[in-house]
Amino acid sequence: MIMDKKEKNFATYKEFAKMLREVANIYSKLGDEPLLKEGYEYNAIRDAVQYVTNKHDFDYFIQPWKDEFLRMPFDVTKRKKWADYVAECHATGKEIDYDNYDWDK
């Protein structure tokens, strides 16, 4: 498919990240409410995500991630710190210390 030079390519990591942030913002408005398999937020979230993603397949697009997180929740901040530690080890050539990593730092 040849793109007209005036058309913008939206199939980029940046645009995909924007879409994910918008969906995350929708969920963050619910605050510290517990996740429910299907609850009061379902229709509102489904509709809002549909408006952002322009897709009618919420059950395939977002719901599986939510269900998996509900099944096995984790502290995202701690996991992000772990990912940063691993990236630093890779960048500096240090060995990853799986046994002595301080998860509480």
PDB file of N, CA and C in Angstrom:
ATOM      1  N   MET A   1       0.849  -1.178   0.000  1.00  0.00           N
ATOM      2  CA  MET A   1       0.000   0.000   0.000  1.00  0.00           C
ATOM      3  C   MET A   1       0.895   1.240   0.000  1.00  0.00           C
ATOM      4  N   ILE A   2       0.703   2.102  -0.947  1.00  0.00           N
ATOM      5  CA  ILE A   2       1.474   3.333  -1.046  1.00  0.00           C
ATOM      6  C   ILE A   2       0.715   4.428  -0.320  1.00  0.00           C
ATOM      7  N   MET A   3       1.406   5.074   0.617  1.00  0.00           N
ATOM      8  CA  MET A   3       0.762   6.139   1.390  1.00  0.00           C
ATOM      9  C   MET A   3       0.940   7.469   0.689  1.00  0.00           C
ATOM     10  N   ASP A   4      -0.109   8.244   0.658  1.00  0.00           N
ATOM     11  CA  ASP A   4      -0.021   9.619   0.178  1.00  0.00           C
ATOM     12  C   ASP A   4       0.869  10.371   1.163  1.00  0.00           C
ATOM     13  N   LYS A   5       1.747  11.208   0.660  1.00  0.00           N
ATOM     14  CA  LYS A   5       2.673  11.926   1.548  1.00  0.00           C
ATOM     15  C   LYS A   5       1.942  12.792   2.565  1.00  0.00           C
ATOM     16  N   LYS A   6       0.702  13.158   2.287  1.00  0.00           N
ATOM     17  CA  LYS A   6      -0.055  13.997   3.217  1.00  0.00           C
ATOM     18  C   LYS A   6      -0.653  13.176   4.359  1.00  0.00           C
ATOM     19  N   GLU A   7      -0.766  11.863   4.164  1.00  0.00           N
ATOM     20  CA  GLU A   7      -1.327  11.003   5.202  1.00  0.00           C
ATOM     21  C   GLU A   7      -0.266  10.727   6.263  1.00  0.00           C
ATOM     22  N   LYS A   8      -0.686  10.756   7.512  1.00  0.00           N
ATOM     23  CA  LYS A   8       0.233  10.462   8.613  1.00  0.00           C
ATOM     24  C   LYS A   8       0.127   8.984   8.959  1.00  0.00           C
ATOM     25  N   ASN A   9       1.252   8.357   9.208  1.00  0.00           N
ATOM     26  CA  ASN A   9       1.271   6.963   9.628  1.00  0.00           C
ATOM     27  C   ASN A   9       1.030   6.916  11.135  1.00  0.00           C
ATOM     28  N   PHE A  10      -0.124   6.404  11.523  1.00  0.00           N
ATOM     29  CA  PHE A  10      -0.450   6.315  12.947  1.00  0.00           C
ATOM     30  C   PHE A  10      -0.046   4.966  13.537  1.00  0.00           C
ATOM     31  N   ALA A  11       0.453   4.059  12.704  1.00  0.00           N
ATOM     32  CA  ALA A  11       0.879   2.751  13.196  1.00  0.00           C
ATOM     33  C   ALA A  11       2.305   2.867  13.730  1.00  0.00           C
ATOM     34  N   THR A  12       2.440   3.638  14.822  1.00  0.00           N
ATOM     35  CA  THR A  12       3.752   3.860  15.425  1.00  0.00           C
ATOM     36  C   THR A  12       3.700   3.496  16.903  1.00  0.00           C
ATOM     37  N   TYR A  13       4.857   3.270  17.491  1.00  0.00           N
ATOM     38  CA  TYR A  13       4.917   2.997  18.931  1.00  0.00           C
ATOM     39  C   TYR A  13       4.370   4.179  19.725  1.00  0.00           C
ATOM     40  N   LYS A  14       4.662   5.371  19.248  1.00  0.00           N
ATOM     41  CA  LYS A  14       4.210   6.573  19.955  1.00  0.00           C
ATOM     42  C   LYS A  14       2.683   6.646  19.991  1.00  0.00           C
ATOM     43  N   GLU A  15       2.034   6.393  18.863  1.00  0.00           N
ATOM     44  CA  GLU A  15       0.569   6.444  18.828  1.00  0.00           C
ATOM     45  C   GLU A  15      -0.035   5.310  19.651  1.00  0.00           C
ATOM     46  N   PHE A  16       0.578   4.123  19.585  1.00  0.00           N
ATOM     47  CA  PHE A  16       0.094   2.999  20.378  1.00  0.00           C
ATOM     48  C   PHE A  16       0.196   3.332  21.861  1.00  0.00           C
ATOM     49  N   ALA A  17       1.307   3.944  22.274  1.00  0.00           N
ATOM     50  CA  ALA A  17       1.492   4.344  23.671  1.00  0.00           C
ATOM     51  C   ALA A  17       0.459   5.384  24.082  1.00  0.00           C
ATOM     52  N   LYS A  18       0.144   6.312  23.195  1.00  0.00           N
ATOM     53  CA  LYS A  18      -0.898   7.314  23.503  1.00  0.00           C
ATOM     54  C   LYS A  18      -2.225   6.631  23.779  1.00  0.00           C
ATOM     55  N   MET A  19      -2.559   5.648  22.953  1.00  0.00           N
ATOM     56  CA  MET A  19      -3.816   4.928  23.135  1.00  0.00           C
ATOM     57  C   MET A  19      -3.820   4.207  24.474  1.00  0.00           C
ATOM     58  N   LEU A  20      -2.715   3.541  24.815  1.00  0.00           N
ATOM     59  CA  LEU A  20      -2.644   2.843  26.099  1.00  0.00           C
ATOM     60  C   LEU A  20      -2.762   3.809  27.271  1.00  0.00           C
ATOM     61  N   ARG A  21      -2.121   4.984  27.172  1.00  0.00           N
ATOM     62  CA  ARG A  21      -2.223   5.982  28.252  1.00  0.00           C
ATOM     63  C   ARG A  21      -3.656   6.458  28.416  1.00  0.00           C
ATOM     64  N   GLU A  22      -4.350   6.675  27.319  1.00  0.00           N
ATOM     65  CA  GLU A  22      -5.739   7.130  27.412  1.00  0.00           C
ATOM     66  C   GLU A  22      -6.611   6.078  28.081  1.00  0.00           C
ATOM     67  N   VAL A  23      -6.414   4.822  27.729  1.00  0.00           N
ATOM     68  CA  VAL A  23      -7.166   3.742  28.371  1.00  0.00           C
ATOM     69  C   VAL A  23      -6.809   3.684  29.856  1.00  0.00           C
ATOM     70  N   ALA A  24      -5.527   3.826  30.184  1.00  0.00           N
ATOM     71  CA  ALA A  24      -5.099   3.829  31.590  1.00  0.00           C
ATOM     72  C   ALA A  24      -5.732   4.985  32.348  1.00  0.00           C
ATOM     73  N   ASN A  25      -5.833   6.136  31.730  1.00  0.00           N
ATOM     74  CA  ASN A  25      -6.464   7.291  32.383  1.00  0.00           C
ATOM     75  C   ASN A  25      -7.926   7.020  32.703  1.00  0.00           C
ATOM     76  N   ILE A  26      -8.601   6.320  31.823  1.00  0.00           N
ATOM     77  CA  ILE A  26     -10.002   5.966  32.071  1.00  0.00           C
ATOM     78  C   ILE A  26     -10.099   5.114  33.337  1.00  0.00           C
ATOM     79  N   TYR A  27      -9.248   4.100  33.439  1.00  0.00           N
ATOM     80  CA  TYR A  27      -9.264   3.235  34.619  1.00  0.00           C
ATOM     81  C   TYR A  27      -8.828   3.977  35.876  1.00  0.00           C
ATOM     82  N   SER A  28      -7.850   4.865  35.763  1.00  0.00           N
ATOM     83  CA  SER A  28      -7.331   5.541  36.955  1.00  0.00           C
ATOM     84  C   SER A  28      -8.381   6.424  37.614  1.00  0.00           C
ATOM     85  N   LYS A  29      -9.381   6.842  36.876  1.00  0.00           N
ATOM     86  CA  LYS A  29     -10.449   7.668  37.451  1.00  0.00           C
ATOM     87  C   LYS A  29     -11.252   6.912  38.500  1.00  0.00           C
ATOM     88  N   LEU A  30     -11.175   5.585  38.486  1.00  0.00           N
ATOM     89  CA  LEU A  30     -11.894   4.784  39.478  1.00  0.00           C
ATOM     90  C   LEU A  30     -11.134   4.689  40.795  1.00  0.00           C
ATOM     91  N   GLY A  31      -9.899   5.173  40.812  1.00  0.00           N
ATOM     92  CA  GLY A  31      -9.139   5.239  42.056  1.00  0.00           C
ATOM     93  C   GLY A  31      -8.824   3.890  42.653  1.00  0.00           C
ATOM     94  N   ASP A  32      -8.963   3.785  43.963  1.00  0.00           N
ATOM     95  CA  ASP A  32      -8.599   2.575  44.687  1.00  0.00           C
ATOM     96  C   ASP A  32      -9.764   1.613  44.870  1.00  0.00           C
ATOM     97  N   GLU A  33     -10.774   1.741  44.047  1.00  0.00           N
ATOM     98  CA  GLU A  33     -11.876   0.778  44.093  1.00  0.00           C
ATOM     99  C   GLU A  33     -11.328  -0.604  43.732  1.00  0.00           C
ATOM    100  N   PRO A  34     -11.823  -1.653  44.374  1.00  0.00           N
ATOM    101  CA  PRO A  34     -11.346  -2.990  44.012  1.00  0.00           C
ATOM    102  C   PRO A  34     -11.794  -3.357  42.593  1.00  0.00           C
ATOM    103  N   LEU A  35     -10.937  -4.102  41.893  1.00  0.00           N
ATOM    104  CA  LEU A  35     -11.312  -4.592  40.571  1.00  0.00           C
ATOM    105  C   LEU A  35     -12.415  -5.625  40.722  1.00  0.00           C
ATOM    106  N   LEU A  36     -13.345  -5.589  39.826  1.00  0.00           N
ATOM    107  CA  LEU A  36     -14.426  -6.561  39.812  1.00  0.00           C
ATOM    108  C   LEU A  36     -14.387  -7.305  38.489  1.00  0.00           C
ATOM    109  N   LYS A  37     -14.781  -8.578  38.517  1.00  0.00           N
ATOM    110  CA  LYS A  37     -14.826  -9.350  37.273  1.00  0.00           C
ATOM    111  C   LYS A  37     -15.711  -8.624  36.281  1.00  0.00           C
ATOM    112  N   GLU A  38     -16.913  -8.348  36.680  1.00  0.00           N
ATOM    113  CA  GLU A  38     -17.810  -7.480  35.927  1.00  0.00           C
ATOM    114  C   GLU A  38     -18.591  -6.716  36.964  1.00  0.00           C
ATOM    115  N   GLY A  39     -18.522  -5.437  36.899  1.00  0.00           N
ATOM    116  CA  GLY A  39     -19.194  -4.648  37.903  1.00  0.00           C
ATOM    117  C   GLY A  39     -19.734  -3.368  37.332  1.00  0.00           C
ATOM    118  N   TYR A  40     -19.957  -2.418  38.209  1.00  0.00           N
ATOM    119  CA  TYR A  40     -20.586  -1.168  37.815  1.00  0.00           C
ATOM    120  C   TYR A  40     -19.794  -0.427  36.751  1.00  0.00           C
ATOM    121  N   GLU A  41     -18.482  -0.639  36.729  1.00  0.00           N
ATOM    122  CA  GLU A  41     -17.665   0.116  35.779  1.00  0.00           C
ATOM    123  C   GLU A  41     -17.694  -0.490  34.389  1.00  0.00           C
ATOM    124  N   TYR A  42     -18.164  -1.709  34.249  1.00  0.00           N
ATOM    125  CA  TYR A  42     -18.007  -2.438  32.988  1.00  0.00           C
ATOM    126  C   TYR A  42     -18.514  -1.658  31.780  1.00  0.00           C
ATOM    127  N   ASN A  43     -19.777  -1.239  31.797  1.00  0.00           N
ATOM    128  CA  ASN A  43     -20.328  -0.548  30.626  1.00  0.00           C
ATOM    129  C   ASN A  43     -19.652   0.785  30.383  1.00  0.00           C
ATOM    130  N   ALA A  44     -19.408   1.546  31.440  1.00  0.00           N
ATOM    131  CA  ALA A  44     -18.782   2.857  31.272  1.00  0.00           C
ATOM    132  C   ALA A  44     -17.355   2.712  30.740  1.00  0.00           C
ATOM    133  N   ILE A  45     -16.600   1.787  31.306  1.00  0.00           N
ATOM    134  CA  ILE A  45     -15.231   1.564  30.843  1.00  0.00           C
ATOM    135  C   ILE A  45     -15.249   1.029  29.420  1.00  0.00           C
ATOM    136  N   ARG A  46     -16.094   0.053  29.172  1.00  0.00           N
ATOM    137  CA  ARG A  46     -16.172  -0.518  27.822  1.00  0.00           C
ATOM    138  C   ARG A  46     -16.463   0.564  26.796  1.00  0.00           C
ATOM    139  N   ASP A  47     -17.430   1.417  27.093  1.00  0.00           N
ATOM    140  CA  ASP A  47     -17.789   2.481  26.158  1.00  0.00           C
ATOM    141  C   ASP A  47     -16.659   3.488  25.987  1.00  0.00           C
ATOM    142  N   ALA A  48     -16.038   3.893  27.100  1.00  0.00           N
ATOM    143  CA  ALA A  48     -14.960   4.877  27.023  1.00  0.00           C
ATOM    144  C   ALA A  48     -13.765   4.323  26.247  1.00  0.00           C
ATOM    145  N   VAL A  49     -13.418   3.069  26.496  1.00  0.00           N
ATOM    146  CA  VAL A  49     -12.311   2.447  25.771  1.00  0.00           C
ATOM    147  C   VAL A  49     -12.655   2.345  24.291  1.00  0.00           C
ATOM    148  N   GLN A  50     -13.895   2.016  24.022  1.00  0.00           N
ATOM    149  CA  GLN A  50     -14.334   1.924  22.625  1.00  0.00           C
ATOM    150  C   GLN A  50     -14.171   3.268  21.923  1.00  0.00           C
ATOM    151  N   TYR A  51     -14.489   4.359  22.604  1.00  0.00           N
ATOM    152  CA  TYR A  51     -14.342   5.682  21.989  1.00  0.00           C
ATOM    153  C   TYR A  51     -12.877   5.985  21.693  1.00  0.00           C
ATOM    154  N   VAL A  52     -11.978   5.590  22.607  1.00  0.00           N
ATOM    155  CA  VAL A  52     -10.548   5.855  22.418  1.00  0.00           C
ATOM    156  C   VAL A  52      -9.968   4.949  21.331  1.00  0.00           C
ATOM    157  N   THR A  53     -10.300   3.670  21.382  1.00  0.00           N
ATOM    158  CA  THR A  53      -9.674   2.704  20.476  1.00  0.00           C
ATOM    159  C   THR A  53     -10.427   2.548  19.169  1.00  0.00           C
ATOM    160  N   ASN A  54     -11.661   3.028  19.133  1.00  0.00           N
ATOM    161  CA  ASN A  54     -12.515   2.870  17.962  1.00  0.00           C
ATOM    162  C   ASN A  54     -12.724   1.393  17.639  1.00  0.00           C
ATOM    163  N   LYS A  55     -12.775   0.584  18.674  1.00  0.00           N
ATOM    164  CA  LYS A  55     -12.981  -0.851  18.494  1.00  0.00           C
ATOM    165  C   LYS A  55     -14.176  -1.285  19.333  1.00  0.00           C
ATOM    166  N   HIS A  56     -14.873  -2.266  18.822  1.00  0.00           N
ATOM    167  CA  HIS A  56     -16.039  -2.798  19.530  1.00  0.00           C
ATOM    168  C   HIS A  56     -15.710  -4.133  20.196  1.00  0.00           C
ATOM    169  N   ASP A  57     -14.431  -4.428  20.354  1.00  0.00           N
ATOM    170  CA  ASP A  57     -14.038  -5.722  20.902  1.00  0.00           C
ATOM    171  C   ASP A  57     -13.365  -5.596  22.266  1.00  0.00           C
ATOM    172  N   PHE A  58     -13.955  -4.822  23.158  1.00  0.00           N
ATOM    173  CA  PHE A  58     -13.426  -4.634  24.512  1.00  0.00           C
ATOM    174  C   PHE A  58     -13.116  -5.976  25.167  1.00  0.00           C
ATOM    175  N   ASP A  59     -13.996  -6.962  24.965  1.00  0.00           N
ATOM    176  CA  ASP A  59     -13.807  -8.267  25.606  1.00  0.00           C
ATOM    177  C   ASP A  59     -12.510  -8.943  25.179  1.00  0.00           C
ATOM    178  N   TYR A  60     -12.013  -8.618  24.003  1.00  0.00           N
ATOM    179  CA  TYR A  60     -10.769  -9.212  23.519  1.00  0.00           C
ATOM    180  C   TYR A  60      -9.585  -8.281  23.698  1.00  0.00           C
ATOM    181  N   PHE A  61      -9.861  -6.998  23.793  1.00  0.00           N
ATOM    182  CA  PHE A  61      -8.814  -5.989  23.734  1.00  0.00           C
ATOM    183  C   PHE A  61      -8.280  -5.615  25.115  1.00  0.00           C
ATOM    184  N   ILE A  62      -9.142  -5.392  26.084  1.00  0.00           N
ATOM    185  CA  ILE A  62      -8.746  -4.933  27.418  1.00  0.00           C
ATOM    186  C   ILE A  62      -9.112  -5.949  28.498  1.00  0.00           C
ATOM    187  N   GLN A  63     -10.272  -6.539  28.394  1.00  0.00           N
ATOM    188  CA  GLN A  63     -10.779  -7.435  29.435  1.00  0.00           C
ATOM    189  C   GLN A  63      -9.798  -8.552  29.802  1.00  0.00           C
ATOM    190  N   PRO A  64      -9.095  -9.188  28.844  1.00  0.00           N
ATOM    191  CA  PRO A  64      -8.157 -10.250  29.242  1.00  0.00           C
ATOM    192  C   PRO A  64      -7.030  -9.749  30.152  1.00  0.00           C
ATOM    193  N   TRP A  65      -6.508  -8.548  29.881  1.00  0.00           N
ATOM    194  CA  TRP A  65      -5.474  -7.990  30.756  1.00  0.00           C
ATOM    195  C   TRP A  65      -6.031  -7.737  32.144  1.00  0.00           C
ATOM    196  N   LYS A  66      -7.228  -7.189  32.213  1.00  0.00           N
ATOM    197  CA  LYS A  66      -7.847  -6.902  33.509  1.00  0.00           C
ATOM    198  C   LYS A  66      -8.088  -8.205  34.269  1.00  0.00           C
ATOM    199  N   ASP A  67      -8.624  -9.218  33.588  1.00  0.00           N
ATOM    200  CA  ASP A  67      -8.899 -10.497  34.240  1.00  0.00           C
ATOM    201  C   ASP A  67      -7.618 -11.136  34.773  1.00  0.00           C
ATOM    202  N   GLU A  68      -6.548 -11.071  33.989  1.00  0.00           N
ATOM    203  CA  GLU A  68      -5.277 -11.659  34.422  1.00  0.00           C
ATOM    204  C   GLU A  68      -4.719 -10.905  35.628  1.00  0.00           C
ATOM    205  N   PHE A  69      -4.815  -9.587  35.606  1.00  0.00           N
ATOM    206  CA  PHE A  69      -4.335  -8.790  36.738  1.00  0.00           C
ATOM    207  C   PHE A  69      -5.182  -9.067  37.978  1.00  0.00           C
ATOM    208  N   LEU A  70      -6.482  -9.228  37.798  1.00  0.00           N
ATOM    209  CA  LEU A  70      -7.374  -9.547  38.914  1.00  0.00           C
ATOM    210  C   LEU A  70      -7.025 -10.918  39.496  1.00  0.00           C
ATOM    211  N   ARG A  71      -6.688 -11.858  38.628  1.00  0.00           N
ATOM    212  CA  ARG A  71      -6.343 -13.212  39.057  1.00  0.00           C
ATOM    213  C   ARG A  71      -5.006 -13.236  39.797  1.00  0.00           C
ATOM    214  N   MET A  72      -4.035 -12.459  39.323  1.00  0.00           N
ATOM    215  CA  MET A  72      -2.702 -12.441  39.929  1.00  0.00           C
ATOM    216  C   MET A  72      -2.202 -11.001  40.032  1.00  0.00           C
ATOM    217  N   PRO A  73      -2.755 -10.207  40.961  1.00  0.00           N
ATOM    218  CA  PRO A  73      -2.335  -8.805  41.077  1.00  0.00           C
ATOM    219  C   PRO A  73      -0.902  -8.699  41.599  1.00  0.00           C
ATOM    220  N   PHE A  74      -0.261  -7.588  41.271  1.00  0.00           N
ATOM    221  CA  PHE A  74       1.102  -7.339  41.739  1.00  0.00           C
ATOM    222  C   PHE A  74       1.302  -5.843  41.886  1.00  0.00           C
ATOM    223  N   ASP A  75       2.345  -5.488  42.629  1.00  0.00           N
ATOM    224  CA  ASP A  75       2.700  -4.093  42.856  1.00  0.00           C
ATOM    225  C   ASP A  75       3.465  -3.599  41.632  1.00  0.00           C
ATOM    226  N   VAL A  76       2.827  -2.801  40.816  1.00  0.00           N
ATOM    227  CA  VAL A  76       3.420  -2.334  39.566  1.00  0.00           C
ATOM    228  C   VAL A  76       4.671  -1.501  39.829  1.00  0.00           C
ATOM    229  N   THR A  77       4.664  -0.688  40.877  1.00  0.00           N
ATOM    230  CA  THR A  77       5.828   0.144  41.193  1.00  0.00           C
ATOM    231  C   THR A  77       7.046  -0.726  41.490  1.00  0.00           C
ATOM    232  N   LYS A  78       6.859  -1.780  42.284  1.00  0.00           N
ATOM    233  CA  LYS A  78       7.971  -2.684  42.593  1.00  0.00           C
ATOM    234  C   LYS A  78       8.453  -3.398  41.334  1.00  0.00           C
ATOM    235  N   ARG A  79       7.522  -3.808  40.493  1.00  0.00           N
ATOM    236  CA  ARG A  79       7.910  -4.499  39.259  1.00  0.00           C
ATOM    237  C   ARG A  79       8.660  -3.569  38.316  1.00  0.00           C
ATOM    238  N   LYS A  80       8.277  -2.300  38.295  1.00  0.00           N
ATOM    239  CA  LYS A  80       8.967  -1.314  37.459  1.00  0.00           C
ATOM    240  C   LYS A  80      10.394  -1.120  37.967  1.00  0.00           C
ATOM    241  N   LYS A  81      10.563  -1.067  39.299  1.00  0.00           N
ATOM    242  CA  LYS A  81      11.909  -0.942  39.868  1.00  0.00           C
ATOM    243  C   LYS A  81      12.757  -2.161  39.508  1.00  0.00           C
ATOM    244  N   TRP A  82      12.152  -3.353  39.554  1.00  0.00           N
ATOM    245  CA  TRP A  82      12.859  -4.573  39.168  1.00  0.00           C
ATOM    246  C   TRP A  82      13.284  -4.487  37.701  1.00  0.00           C
ATOM    247  N   ALA A  83      12.379  -4.054  36.843  1.00  0.00           N
ATOM    248  CA  ALA A  83      12.700  -3.930  35.416  1.00  0.00           C
ATOM    249  C   ALA A  83      13.839  -2.937  35.200  1.00  0.00           C
ATOM    250  N   ASP A  84      13.826  -1.834  35.950  1.00  0.00           N
ATOM    251  CA  ASP A  84      14.910  -0.846  35.851  1.00  0.00           C
ATOM    252  C   ASP A  84      16.240  -1.450  36.311  1.00  0.00           C
ATOM    253  N   TYR A  85      16.191  -2.231  37.396  1.00  0.00           N
ATOM    254  CA  TYR A  85      17.392  -2.895  37.909  1.00  0.00           C
ATOM    255  C   TYR A  85      17.960  -3.862  36.862  1.00  0.00           C
ATOM    256  N   VAL A  86      17.096  -4.666  36.264  1.00  0.00           N
ATOM    257  CA  VAL A  86      17.536  -5.625  35.247  1.00  0.00           C
ATOM    258  C   VAL A  86      18.131  -4.893  34.048  1.00  0.00           C
ATOM    259  N   ALA A  87      17.478  -3.815  33.612  1.00  0.00           N
ATOM    260  CA  ALA A  87      17.994  -3.030  32.484  1.00  0.00           C
ATOM    261  C   ALA A  87      19.368  -2.449  32.813  1.00  0.00           C
ATOM    262  N   GLU A  88      19.528  -1.965  34.052  1.00  0.00           N
ATOM    263  CA  GLU A  88      20.822  -1.417  34.481  1.00  0.00           C
ATOM    264  C   GLU A  88      21.900  -2.505  34.470  1.00  0.00           C
ATOM    265  N   CYS A  89      21.548  -3.690  34.954  1.00  0.00           N
ATOM    266  CA  CYS A  89      22.502  -4.802  34.948  1.00  0.00           C
ATOM    267  C   CYS A  89      22.922  -5.142  33.519  1.00  0.00           C
ATOM    268  N   HIS A  90      21.955  -5.194  32.623  1.00  0.00           N
ATOM    269  CA  HIS A  90      22.281  -5.484  31.225  1.00  0.00           C
ATOM    270  C   HIS A  90      23.176  -4.399  30.637  1.00  0.00           C
ATOM    271  N   ALA A  91      22.873  -3.150  30.945  1.00  0.00           N
ATOM    272  CA  ALA A  91      23.632  -2.022  30.386  1.00  0.00           C
ATOM    273  C   ALA A  91      25.064  -1.971  30.911  1.00  0.00           C
ATOM    274  N   THR A  92      25.250  -2.372  32.169  1.00  0.00           N
ATOM    275  CA  THR A  92      26.581  -2.273  32.786  1.00  0.00           C
ATOM    276  C   THR A  92      27.338  -3.597  32.787  1.00  0.00           C
ATOM    277  N   GLY A  93      26.674  -4.659  32.359  1.00  0.00           N
ATOM    278  CA  GLY A  93      27.328  -5.964  32.335  1.00  0.00           C
ATOM    279  C   GLY A  93      27.362  -6.661  33.680  1.00  0.00           C
ATOM    280  N   LYS A  94      26.621  -6.117  34.663  1.00  0.00           N
ATOM    281  CA  LYS A  94      26.557  -6.751  35.988  1.00  0.00           C
ATOM    282  C   LYS A  94      25.651  -7.978  35.920  1.00  0.00           C
ATOM    283  N   GLU A  95      25.953  -8.944  36.779  1.00  0.00           N
ATOM    284  CA  GLU A  95      25.102 -10.117  36.876  1.00  0.00           C
ATOM    285  C   GLU A  95      23.857  -9.761  37.690  1.00  0.00           C
ATOM    286  N   ILE A  96      22.721 -10.245  37.275  1.00  0.00           N
ATOM    287  CA  ILE A  96      21.469  -9.993  38.000  1.00  0.00           C
ATOM    288  C   ILE A  96      21.463 -10.867  39.251  1.00  0.00           C
ATOM    289  N   ASP A  97      21.270 -10.247  40.403  1.00  0.00           N
ATOM    290  CA  ASP A  97      21.269 -10.967  41.677  1.00  0.00           C
ATOM    291  C   ASP A  97      19.822 -11.304  42.048  1.00  0.00           C
ATOM    292  N   TYR A  98      19.354 -12.417  41.515  1.00  0.00           N
ATOM    293  CA  TYR A  98      17.970 -12.832  41.749  1.00  0.00           C
ATOM    294  C   TYR A  98      17.702 -13.147  43.219  1.00  0.00           C
ATOM    295  N   ASP A  99      18.679 -13.723  43.882  1.00  0.00           N
ATOM    296  CA  ASP A  99      18.476 -14.186  45.258  1.00  0.00           C
ATOM    297  C   ASP A  99      18.503 -13.073  46.294  1.00  0.00           C
ATOM    298  N   ASN A 100      19.236 -11.999  46.033  1.00  0.00           N
ATOM    299  CA  ASN A 100      19.414 -10.963  47.048  1.00  0.00           C
ATOM    300  C   ASN A 100      18.818  -9.615  46.668  1.00  0.00           C
ATOM    301  N   TYR A 101      18.005  -9.580  45.640  1.00  0.00           N
ATOM    302  CA  TYR A 101      17.389  -8.312  45.250  1.00  0.00           C
ATOM    303  C   TYR A 101      16.454  -7.843  46.369  1.00  0.00           C
ATOM    304  N   ASP A 102      16.556  -6.584  46.743  1.00  0.00           N
ATOM    305  CA  ASP A 102      15.737  -6.016  47.821  1.00  0.00           C
ATOM    306  C   ASP A 102      14.429  -5.476  47.235  1.00  0.00           C
ATOM    307  N   TRP A 103      13.372  -6.260  47.337  1.00  0.00           N
ATOM    308  CA  TRP A 103      12.067  -5.871  46.776  1.00  0.00           C
ATOM    309  C   TRP A 103      11.429  -4.720  47.536  1.00  0.00           C
ATOM    310  N   ASP A 104      11.919  -4.430  48.738  1.00  0.00           N
ATOM    311  CA  ASP A 104      11.308  -3.375  49.555  1.00  0.00           C
ATOM    312  C   ASP A 104      11.983  -2.024  49.406  1.00  0.00           C
ATOM    313  N   LYS A 105      12.966  -1.918  48.544  1.00  0.00           N
ATOM    314  CA  LYS A 105      13.638  -0.615  48.402  1.00  0.00           C
ATOM    315  C   LYS A 105      12.892   0.292  47.465  1.00  0.00           C
TER     316      LYS A 105
END
